[in-house]
Amino acid sequence: MSKSRNSFNLLKAIALLKALRGVVALGICLTLTYLLYTHQSEQAKLFVQAFAEKLQDPVLREITRWASQISDNQLRMVAILVGSISLLRISEALGLWSSKSWAEWLAIITSLIGIPIESISLWEQWRISVFFILMTNVLISIYLGRVLWKTKTIKTNTIVTS
């Protein structure tokens, strides 16, 4: 297999991972929205508390843990925030699947934002799942950084030789 084909397959794997995380966030958002708009805010808070302990994604876990202690209006804001994260991750996934450079940049930025949050979460309580998410984000950042660096170098060399 050629290097470009392996690179393309790895981008698709990263896209699938981002899409999965986006779908989980969308599920949380839709559940919160349903509970809030059927006037079941106490059940929404219980859902958030229960889900916060089960989540393997440190960013979403911290958001849901915080949300379990807030008012209904703030809970609506959390649903909007989680929905936005979902849209962001699904957009990243679609862009990565299509090999768009903007999606590569976006994936690097979101992975780098998650690294400190995941590190703090890991420091507070050791979990193998959080460790794997942290290492995955580190590897994604390094890999996509190399891809973008090579793309920039190729474009620069093409401009210079033209």
N, C-alpha and C. Protein backbone atom coordinates (compact mmCIF):
# COMPACT_ATOMS: atom_id res chain seq x y z
N MET A 1 0.83 -1.18 0.00
CA MET A 1 0.00 0.00 0.00
C MET A 1 0.87 1.24 0.00
N SER A 2 0.45 2.24 -0.68
CA SER A 2 1.23 3.48 -0.73
C SER A 2 1.02 4.30 0.52
N LYS A 3 1.97 5.23 0.75
CA LYS A 3 1.87 6.09 1.93
C LYS A 3 0.63 6.96 1.89
N SER A 4 0.28 7.48 0.71
CA SER A 4 -0.89 8.35 0.63
C SER A 4 -2.18 7.58 0.92
N ARG A 5 -2.22 6.32 0.51
CA ARG A 5 -3.41 5.50 0.80
C ARG A 5 -3.51 5.21 2.30
N ASN A 6 -2.38 4.90 2.96
CA ASN A 6 -2.39 4.68 4.41
C ASN A 6 -2.81 5.95 5.13
N SER A 7 -2.32 7.09 4.66
CA SER A 7 -2.66 8.37 5.26
C SER A 7 -4.15 8.62 5.12
N PHE A 8 -4.71 8.31 3.97
CA PHE A 8 -6.13 8.51 3.71
C PHE A 8 -6.96 7.61 4.64
N ASN A 9 -6.54 6.35 4.80
CA ASN A 9 -7.25 5.42 5.68
C ASN A 9 -7.19 5.88 7.14
N LEU A 10 -6.05 6.41 7.56
CA LEU A 10 -5.92 6.90 8.93
C LEU A 10 -6.81 8.12 9.15
N LEU A 11 -6.91 8.99 8.15
CA LEU A 11 -7.83 10.14 8.26
C LEU A 11 -9.27 9.66 8.41
N LYS A 12 -9.63 8.61 7.69
CA LYS A 12 -11.00 8.07 7.79
C LYS A 12 -11.24 7.46 9.18
N ALA A 13 -10.23 6.81 9.73
CA ALA A 13 -10.36 6.24 11.08
C ALA A 13 -10.55 7.36 12.11
N ILE A 14 -9.79 8.43 11.97
CA ILE A 14 -9.93 9.58 12.87
C ILE A 14 -11.31 10.19 12.70
N ALA A 15 -11.79 10.26 11.46
CA ALA A 15 -13.13 10.80 11.19
C ALA A 15 -14.20 9.96 11.87
N LEU A 16 -14.07 8.65 11.82
CA LEU A 16 -15.05 7.78 12.47
C LEU A 16 -15.04 7.98 13.99
N LEU A 17 -13.86 8.13 14.56
CA LEU A 17 -13.75 8.38 16.00
C LEU A 17 -14.42 9.70 16.38
N LYS A 18 -14.15 10.75 15.60
CA LYS A 18 -14.77 12.05 15.85
C LYS A 18 -16.29 11.96 15.70
N ALA A 19 -16.76 11.22 14.70
CA ALA A 19 -18.20 11.07 14.49
C ALA A 19 -18.84 10.34 15.67
N LEU A 20 -18.20 9.31 16.17
CA LEU A 20 -18.73 8.57 17.32
C LEU A 20 -18.86 9.48 18.53
N ARG A 21 -17.83 10.26 18.80
CA ARG A 21 -17.88 11.19 19.93
C ARG A 21 -18.97 12.25 19.71
N GLY A 22 -19.16 12.67 18.48
CA GLY A 22 -20.21 13.63 18.17
C GLY A 22 -21.60 13.06 18.37
N VAL A 23 -21.78 11.80 18.02
CA VAL A 23 -23.09 11.15 18.19
C VAL A 23 -23.41 10.98 19.68
N VAL A 24 -22.41 10.64 20.49
CA VAL A 24 -22.63 10.54 21.94
C VAL A 24 -23.07 11.89 22.50
N ALA A 25 -22.37 12.95 22.10
CA ALA A 25 -22.73 14.29 22.57
C ALA A 25 -24.13 14.67 22.10
N LEU A 26 -24.48 14.31 20.87
CA LEU A 26 -25.83 14.59 20.36
C LEU A 26 -26.88 13.86 21.18
N GLY A 27 -26.62 12.62 21.54
CA GLY A 27 -27.55 11.86 22.37
C GLY A 27 -27.78 12.52 23.72
N ILE A 28 -26.72 13.02 24.33
CA ILE A 28 -26.85 13.73 25.60
C ILE A 28 -27.69 14.98 25.41
N CYS A 29 -27.39 15.73 24.37
CA CYS A 29 -28.12 16.97 24.09
C CYS A 29 -29.61 16.71 23.88
N LEU A 30 -29.94 15.71 23.08
CA LEU A 30 -31.34 15.41 22.80
C LEU A 30 -32.08 14.93 24.05
N THR A 31 -31.41 14.12 24.87
CA THR A 31 -32.03 13.65 26.10
C THR A 31 -32.31 14.81 27.06
N LEU A 32 -31.32 15.67 27.23
CA LEU A 32 -31.51 16.84 28.10
C LEU A 32 -32.64 17.73 27.58
N THR A 33 -32.65 17.96 26.29
CA THR A 33 -33.68 18.81 25.69
C THR A 33 -35.07 18.21 25.90
N TYR A 34 -35.20 16.93 25.67
CA TYR A 34 -36.49 16.26 25.88
C TYR A 34 -36.94 16.40 27.33
N LEU A 35 -36.05 16.10 28.27
CA LEU A 35 -36.42 16.17 29.68
C LEU A 35 -36.76 17.59 30.11
N LEU A 36 -36.02 18.56 29.61
CA LEU A 36 -36.28 19.95 29.98
C LEU A 36 -37.62 20.45 29.43
N TYR A 37 -37.91 20.11 28.18
CA TYR A 37 -39.13 20.64 27.56
C TYR A 37 -40.37 19.83 27.87
N THR A 38 -40.21 18.71 28.59
CA THR A 38 -41.38 18.00 29.10
C THR A 38 -41.51 18.25 30.60
N HIS A 39 -40.83 19.32 31.03
CA HIS A 39 -40.89 19.78 32.43
C HIS A 39 -40.46 18.70 33.42
N GLN A 40 -39.41 17.99 33.06
CA GLN A 40 -38.86 16.96 33.92
C GLN A 40 -37.42 17.33 34.29
N SER A 41 -37.23 18.56 34.73
CA SER A 41 -35.87 19.03 34.98
C SER A 41 -35.17 18.25 36.09
N GLU A 42 -35.93 17.77 37.07
CA GLU A 42 -35.29 16.97 38.13
C GLU A 42 -34.78 15.65 37.57
N GLN A 43 -35.55 15.04 36.65
CA GLN A 43 -35.09 13.82 36.00
C GLN A 43 -33.88 14.12 35.12
N ALA A 44 -33.89 15.30 34.50
CA ALA A 44 -32.74 15.69 33.68
C ALA A 44 -31.48 15.78 34.54
N LYS A 45 -31.63 16.35 35.73
CA LYS A 45 -30.47 16.46 36.62
C LYS A 45 -30.01 15.09 37.10
N LEU A 46 -30.97 14.20 37.38
CA LEU A 46 -30.60 12.83 37.77
C LEU A 46 -29.91 12.10 36.62
N PHE A 47 -30.44 12.31 35.41
CA PHE A 47 -29.81 11.72 34.22
C PHE A 47 -28.37 12.21 34.08
N VAL A 48 -28.19 13.50 34.25
CA VAL A 48 -26.86 14.10 34.12
C VAL A 48 -25.92 13.54 35.18
N GLN A 49 -26.40 13.44 36.43
CA GLN A 49 -25.56 12.92 37.51
C GLN A 49 -25.15 11.48 37.23
N ALA A 50 -26.11 10.65 36.81
CA ALA A 50 -25.82 9.25 36.53
C ALA A 50 -24.88 9.12 35.34
N PHE A 51 -25.12 9.93 34.32
CA PHE A 51 -24.31 9.84 33.10
C PHE A 51 -22.89 10.35 33.34
N ALA A 52 -22.75 11.34 34.21
CA ALA A 52 -21.42 11.93 34.48
C ALA A 52 -20.46 10.87 34.99
N GLU A 53 -20.94 9.94 35.77
CA GLU A 53 -20.06 8.91 36.32
C GLU A 53 -19.70 7.84 35.29
N LYS A 54 -20.55 7.65 34.30
CA LYS A 54 -20.31 6.60 33.31
C LYS A 54 -19.52 7.07 32.09
N LEU A 55 -19.49 8.38 31.86
CA LEU A 55 -18.85 8.91 30.66
C LEU A 55 -17.36 8.64 30.64
N GLN A 56 -16.87 8.29 29.48
CA GLN A 56 -15.44 8.08 29.32
C GLN A 56 -14.76 9.30 28.69
N ASP A 57 -15.54 10.20 28.15
CA ASP A 57 -15.02 11.41 27.55
C ASP A 57 -14.88 12.47 28.64
N PRO A 58 -13.64 12.82 29.04
CA PRO A 58 -13.46 13.73 30.17
C PRO A 58 -14.10 15.10 29.97
N VAL A 59 -14.10 15.63 28.78
CA VAL A 59 -14.69 16.95 28.55
C VAL A 59 -16.19 16.91 28.82
N LEU A 60 -16.88 15.94 28.21
CA LEU A 60 -18.32 15.82 28.43
C LEU A 60 -18.63 15.45 29.88
N ARG A 61 -17.77 14.64 30.50
CA ARG A 61 -17.99 14.26 31.90
C ARG A 61 -17.94 15.48 32.80
N GLU A 62 -16.98 16.36 32.58
CA GLU A 62 -16.87 17.56 33.40
C GLU A 62 -18.06 18.49 33.19
N ILE A 63 -18.51 18.61 31.95
CA ILE A 63 -19.68 19.45 31.65
C ILE A 63 -20.92 18.88 32.34
N THR A 64 -21.12 17.57 32.24
CA THR A 64 -22.31 16.98 32.85
C THR A 64 -22.24 16.99 34.38
N ARG A 65 -21.06 16.81 34.94
CA ARG A 65 -20.92 16.88 36.40
C ARG A 65 -21.31 18.29 36.89
N TRP A 66 -20.83 19.28 36.18
CA TRP A 66 -21.16 20.67 36.53
C TRP A 66 -22.66 20.91 36.36
N ALA A 67 -23.24 20.35 35.30
CA ALA A 67 -24.65 20.59 34.99
C ALA A 67 -25.58 20.00 36.04
N SER A 68 -25.14 18.99 36.76
CA SER A 68 -26.02 18.36 37.74
C SER A 68 -26.30 19.27 38.94
N GLN A 69 -25.57 20.36 39.07
CA GLN A 69 -25.72 21.24 40.22
C GLN A 69 -26.26 22.62 39.86
N ILE A 70 -26.91 22.75 38.73
CA ILE A 70 -27.30 24.08 38.25
C ILE A 70 -28.80 24.21 38.05
N SER A 71 -29.24 25.42 37.75
CA SER A 71 -30.66 25.71 37.54
C SER A 71 -31.12 25.23 36.16
N ASP A 72 -32.44 25.30 35.95
CA ASP A 72 -33.01 24.88 34.68
C ASP A 72 -32.48 25.70 33.50
N ASN A 73 -32.39 27.01 33.67
CA ASN A 73 -31.88 27.86 32.59
C ASN A 73 -30.43 27.51 32.27
N GLN A 74 -29.65 27.28 33.29
CA GLN A 74 -28.26 26.90 33.05
C GLN A 74 -28.19 25.52 32.40
N LEU A 75 -29.10 24.63 32.78
CA LEU A 75 -29.15 23.30 32.17
C LEU A 75 -29.47 23.40 30.68
N ARG A 76 -30.35 24.34 30.32
CA ARG A 76 -30.63 24.58 28.89
C ARG A 76 -29.35 25.02 28.16
N MET A 77 -28.58 25.87 28.82
CA MET A 77 -27.32 26.32 28.22
C MET A 77 -26.35 25.14 28.04
N VAL A 78 -26.35 24.23 29.00
CA VAL A 78 -25.49 23.05 28.88
C VAL A 78 -25.94 22.20 27.69
N ALA A 79 -27.25 22.05 27.52
CA ALA A 79 -27.76 21.29 26.37
C ALA A 79 -27.31 21.94 25.06
N ILE A 80 -27.34 23.26 25.02
CA ILE A 80 -26.88 23.98 23.83
C ILE A 80 -25.38 23.78 23.62
N LEU A 81 -24.60 23.87 24.71
CA LEU A 81 -23.15 23.67 24.63
C LEU A 81 -22.81 22.27 24.14
N VAL A 82 -23.46 21.26 24.73
CA VAL A 82 -23.20 19.88 24.32
C VAL A 82 -23.64 19.66 22.88
N GLY A 83 -24.76 20.27 22.49
CA GLY A 83 -25.19 20.19 21.09
C GLY A 83 -24.19 20.83 20.15
N SER A 84 -23.61 21.94 20.57
CA SER A 84 -22.58 22.61 19.76
C SER A 84 -21.33 21.74 19.63
N ILE A 85 -20.95 21.10 20.73
CA ILE A 85 -19.81 20.18 20.66
C ILE A 85 -20.10 19.04 19.70
N SER A 86 -21.33 18.56 19.73
CA SER A 86 -21.74 17.49 18.82
C SER A 86 -21.60 17.94 17.36
N LEU A 87 -22.13 19.12 17.06
CA LEU A 87 -22.03 19.64 15.68
C LEU A 87 -20.58 19.84 15.27
N LEU A 88 -19.77 20.33 16.19
CA LEU A 88 -18.35 20.53 15.90
C LEU A 88 -17.67 19.21 15.56
N ARG A 89 -17.91 18.19 16.37
CA ARG A 89 -17.27 16.89 16.15
C ARG A 89 -17.77 16.22 14.88
N ILE A 90 -19.05 16.34 14.60
CA ILE A 90 -19.58 15.75 13.37
C ILE A 90 -19.05 16.51 12.15
N SER A 91 -18.91 17.83 12.26
CA SER A 91 -18.32 18.62 11.16
C SER A 91 -16.87 18.21 10.93
N GLU A 92 -16.13 18.04 12.02
CA GLU A 92 -14.75 17.57 11.90
C GLU A 92 -14.72 16.23 11.17
N ALA A 93 -15.60 15.32 11.57
CA ALA A 93 -15.63 13.99 10.98
C ALA A 93 -15.90 14.05 9.48
N LEU A 94 -16.90 14.83 9.09
CA LEU A 94 -17.22 14.94 7.67
C LEU A 94 -16.07 15.57 6.88
N GLY A 95 -15.44 16.60 7.46
CA GLY A 95 -14.31 17.23 6.78
C GLY A 95 -13.11 16.31 6.68
N LEU A 96 -12.82 15.57 7.75
CA LEU A 96 -11.70 14.63 7.71
C LEU A 96 -11.96 13.50 6.71
N TRP A 97 -13.20 13.04 6.67
CA TRP A 97 -13.55 11.97 5.73
C TRP A 97 -13.32 12.44 4.28
N SER A 98 -13.55 13.73 4.05
CA SER A 98 -13.36 14.31 2.71
C SER A 98 -11.96 14.86 2.49
N SER A 99 -11.06 14.64 3.46
CA SER A 99 -9.65 15.09 3.39
C SER A 99 -9.54 16.61 3.22
N LYS A 100 -10.33 17.36 3.95
CA LYS A 100 -10.28 18.82 3.91
C LYS A 100 -9.24 19.32 4.91
N SER A 101 -8.41 20.26 4.49
CA SER A 101 -7.36 20.74 5.39
C SER A 101 -7.95 21.54 6.56
N TRP A 102 -9.07 22.24 6.36
CA TRP A 102 -9.69 22.97 7.47
C TRP A 102 -10.09 22.01 8.58
N ALA A 103 -10.55 20.81 8.20
CA ALA A 103 -10.96 19.82 9.20
C ALA A 103 -9.74 19.28 9.95
N GLU A 104 -8.63 19.16 9.25
CA GLU A 104 -7.40 18.71 9.92
C GLU A 104 -6.98 19.74 10.97
N TRP A 105 -7.04 21.03 10.59
CA TRP A 105 -6.72 22.09 11.55
C TRP A 105 -7.69 22.07 12.73
N LEU A 106 -8.97 21.94 12.43
CA LEU A 106 -9.98 21.91 13.48
C LEU A 106 -9.78 20.72 14.41
N ALA A 107 -9.45 19.57 13.85
CA ALA A 107 -9.22 18.37 14.67
C ALA A 107 -8.00 18.54 15.57
N ILE A 108 -6.95 19.18 15.05
CA ILE A 108 -5.77 19.44 15.88
C ILE A 108 -6.14 20.38 17.02
N ILE A 109 -6.84 21.44 16.71
CA ILE A 109 -7.20 22.43 17.74
C ILE A 109 -8.07 21.80 18.82
N THR A 110 -9.11 21.06 18.42
CA THR A 110 -9.99 20.45 19.42
C THR A 110 -9.27 19.37 20.22
N SER A 111 -8.38 18.65 19.59
CA SER A 111 -7.59 17.65 20.33
C SER A 111 -6.68 18.32 21.32
N LEU A 112 -6.04 19.41 20.91
CA LEU A 112 -5.14 20.13 21.82
C LEU A 112 -5.91 20.77 22.98
N ILE A 113 -7.13 21.23 22.73
CA ILE A 113 -7.95 21.79 23.80
C ILE A 113 -8.32 20.69 24.81
N GLY A 114 -8.60 19.51 24.32
CA GLY A 114 -8.98 18.42 25.20
C GLY A 114 -7.86 17.86 26.04
N ILE A 115 -6.61 17.97 25.58
CA ILE A 115 -5.49 17.37 26.29
C ILE A 115 -5.35 17.87 27.73
N PRO A 116 -5.38 19.18 28.00
CA PRO A 116 -5.26 19.61 29.39
C PRO A 116 -6.44 19.15 30.26
N ILE A 117 -7.65 19.16 29.70
CA ILE A 117 -8.82 18.73 30.46
C ILE A 117 -8.71 17.25 30.80
N GLU A 118 -8.30 16.45 29.82
CA GLU A 118 -8.14 15.02 30.05
C GLU A 118 -7.00 14.75 31.03
N SER A 119 -5.93 15.53 30.95
CA SER A 119 -4.79 15.37 31.87
C SER A 119 -5.23 15.65 33.30
N ILE A 120 -5.98 16.73 33.50
CA ILE A 120 -6.47 17.07 34.85
C ILE A 120 -7.40 15.97 35.36
N SER A 121 -8.28 15.50 34.49
CA SER A 121 -9.20 14.44 34.87
C SER A 121 -8.44 13.18 35.27
N LEU A 122 -7.40 12.86 34.52
CA LEU A 122 -6.58 11.70 34.81
C LEU A 122 -5.81 11.88 36.11
N TRP A 123 -5.36 13.10 36.37
CA TRP A 123 -4.64 13.40 37.60
C TRP A 123 -5.54 13.24 38.83
N GLU A 124 -6.80 13.69 38.68
CA GLU A 124 -7.75 13.59 39.79
C GLU A 124 -8.15 12.15 40.08
N GLN A 125 -8.36 11.36 39.02
CA GLN A 125 -8.74 9.97 39.21
C GLN A 125 -8.24 9.15 38.02
N TRP A 126 -7.39 8.19 38.29
CA TRP A 126 -6.83 7.35 37.24
C TRP A 126 -7.93 6.46 36.65
N ARG A 127 -8.09 6.56 35.34
CA ARG A 127 -8.98 5.68 34.59
C ARG A 127 -8.28 5.31 33.31
N ILE A 128 -8.27 4.04 33.01
CA ILE A 128 -7.60 3.57 31.80
C ILE A 128 -8.27 4.14 30.55
N SER A 129 -9.59 4.30 30.58
CA SER A 129 -10.31 4.83 29.42
C SER A 129 -9.90 6.28 29.15
N VAL A 130 -9.76 7.08 30.22
CA VAL A 130 -9.34 8.47 30.05
C VAL A 130 -7.90 8.52 29.53
N PHE A 131 -7.07 7.62 30.02
CA PHE A 131 -5.69 7.54 29.53
C PHE A 131 -5.67 7.27 28.02
N PHE A 132 -6.50 6.33 27.56
CA PHE A 132 -6.55 6.02 26.13
C PHE A 132 -7.09 7.20 25.32
N ILE A 133 -8.09 7.91 25.84
CA ILE A 133 -8.60 9.08 25.14
C ILE A 133 -7.51 10.15 25.05
N LEU A 134 -6.79 10.35 26.16
CA LEU A 134 -5.69 11.32 26.18
C LEU A 134 -4.62 10.95 25.15
N MET A 135 -4.19 9.70 25.16
CA MET A 135 -3.15 9.26 24.22
C MET A 135 -3.65 9.34 22.77
N THR A 136 -4.93 9.04 22.57
CA THR A 136 -5.50 9.15 21.22
C THR A 136 -5.45 10.59 20.74
N ASN A 137 -5.83 11.54 21.61
CA ASN A 137 -5.79 12.96 21.23
C ASN A 137 -4.36 13.42 20.98
N VAL A 138 -3.42 12.96 21.77
CA VAL A 138 -2.00 13.32 21.55
C VAL A 138 -1.55 12.79 20.19
N LEU A 139 -1.85 11.51 19.91
CA LEU A 139 -1.44 10.92 18.64
C LEU A 139 -2.13 11.58 17.44
N ILE A 140 -3.42 11.90 17.59
CA ILE A 140 -4.13 12.59 16.51
C ILE A 140 -3.47 13.95 16.24
N SER A 141 -3.15 14.68 17.30
CA SER A 141 -2.52 16.00 17.14
C SER A 141 -1.18 15.88 16.43
N ILE A 142 -0.38 14.92 16.86
CA ILE A 142 0.95 14.73 16.24
C ILE A 142 0.80 14.31 14.78
N TYR A 143 -0.07 13.34 14.53
CA TYR A 143 -0.24 12.85 13.16
C TYR A 143 -0.75 13.94 12.23
N LEU A 144 -1.81 14.63 12.64
CA LEU A 144 -2.37 15.67 11.77
C LEU A 144 -1.41 16.85 11.63
N GLY A 145 -0.64 17.13 12.67
CA GLY A 145 0.40 18.16 12.56
C GLY A 145 1.42 17.81 11.50
N ARG A 146 1.82 16.54 11.47
CA ARG A 146 2.77 16.09 10.43
C ARG A 146 2.15 16.16 9.04
N VAL A 147 0.89 15.76 8.94
CA VAL A 147 0.20 15.82 7.63
C VAL A 147 0.16 17.26 7.13
N LEU A 148 -0.23 18.18 8.00
CA LEU A 148 -0.32 19.59 7.60
C LEU A 148 1.06 20.17 7.30
N TRP A 149 2.07 19.78 8.06
CA TRP A 149 3.43 20.25 7.81
C TRP A 149 3.92 19.79 6.44
N LYS A 150 3.67 18.50 6.12
CA LYS A 150 4.07 17.98 4.80
C LYS A 150 3.32 18.68 3.68
N THR A 151 2.03 18.94 3.88
CA THR A 151 1.23 19.64 2.87
C THR A 151 1.77 21.04 2.64
N LYS A 152 2.11 21.73 3.73
CA LYS A 152 2.66 23.08 3.62
C LYS A 152 4.01 23.06 2.91
N THR A 153 4.84 22.08 3.25
CA THR A 153 6.16 21.97 2.63
C THR A 153 6.04 21.69 1.14
N ILE A 154 5.12 20.81 0.76
CA ILE A 154 4.92 20.50 -0.65
C ILE A 154 4.42 21.73 -1.40
N LYS A 155 3.48 22.47 -0.83
CA LYS A 155 2.95 23.68 -1.48
C LYS A 155 4.05 24.73 -1.61
N THR A 156 4.87 24.88 -0.58
CA THR A 156 5.96 25.85 -0.61
C THR A 156 6.98 25.49 -1.69
N ASN A 157 7.33 24.21 -1.77
CA ASN A 157 8.28 23.76 -2.79
C ASN A 157 7.70 23.92 -4.19
N THR A 158 6.41 23.71 -4.34
CA THR A 158 5.77 23.87 -5.64
C THR A 158 5.79 25.34 -6.07
N ILE A 159 5.53 26.26 -5.14
CA ILE A 159 5.54 27.69 -5.44
C ILE A 159 6.95 28.14 -5.80
N VAL A 160 7.94 27.67 -5.06
CA VAL A 160 9.33 28.07 -5.30
C VAL A 160 9.82 27.58 -6.65
N THR A 161 9.46 26.36 -7.04
CA THR A 161 9.94 25.82 -8.31
C THR A 161 9.16 26.35 -9.51
N SER A 162 8.00 26.92 -9.30
CA SER A 162 7.18 27.42 -10.40
C SER A 162 7.72 28.65 -11.02
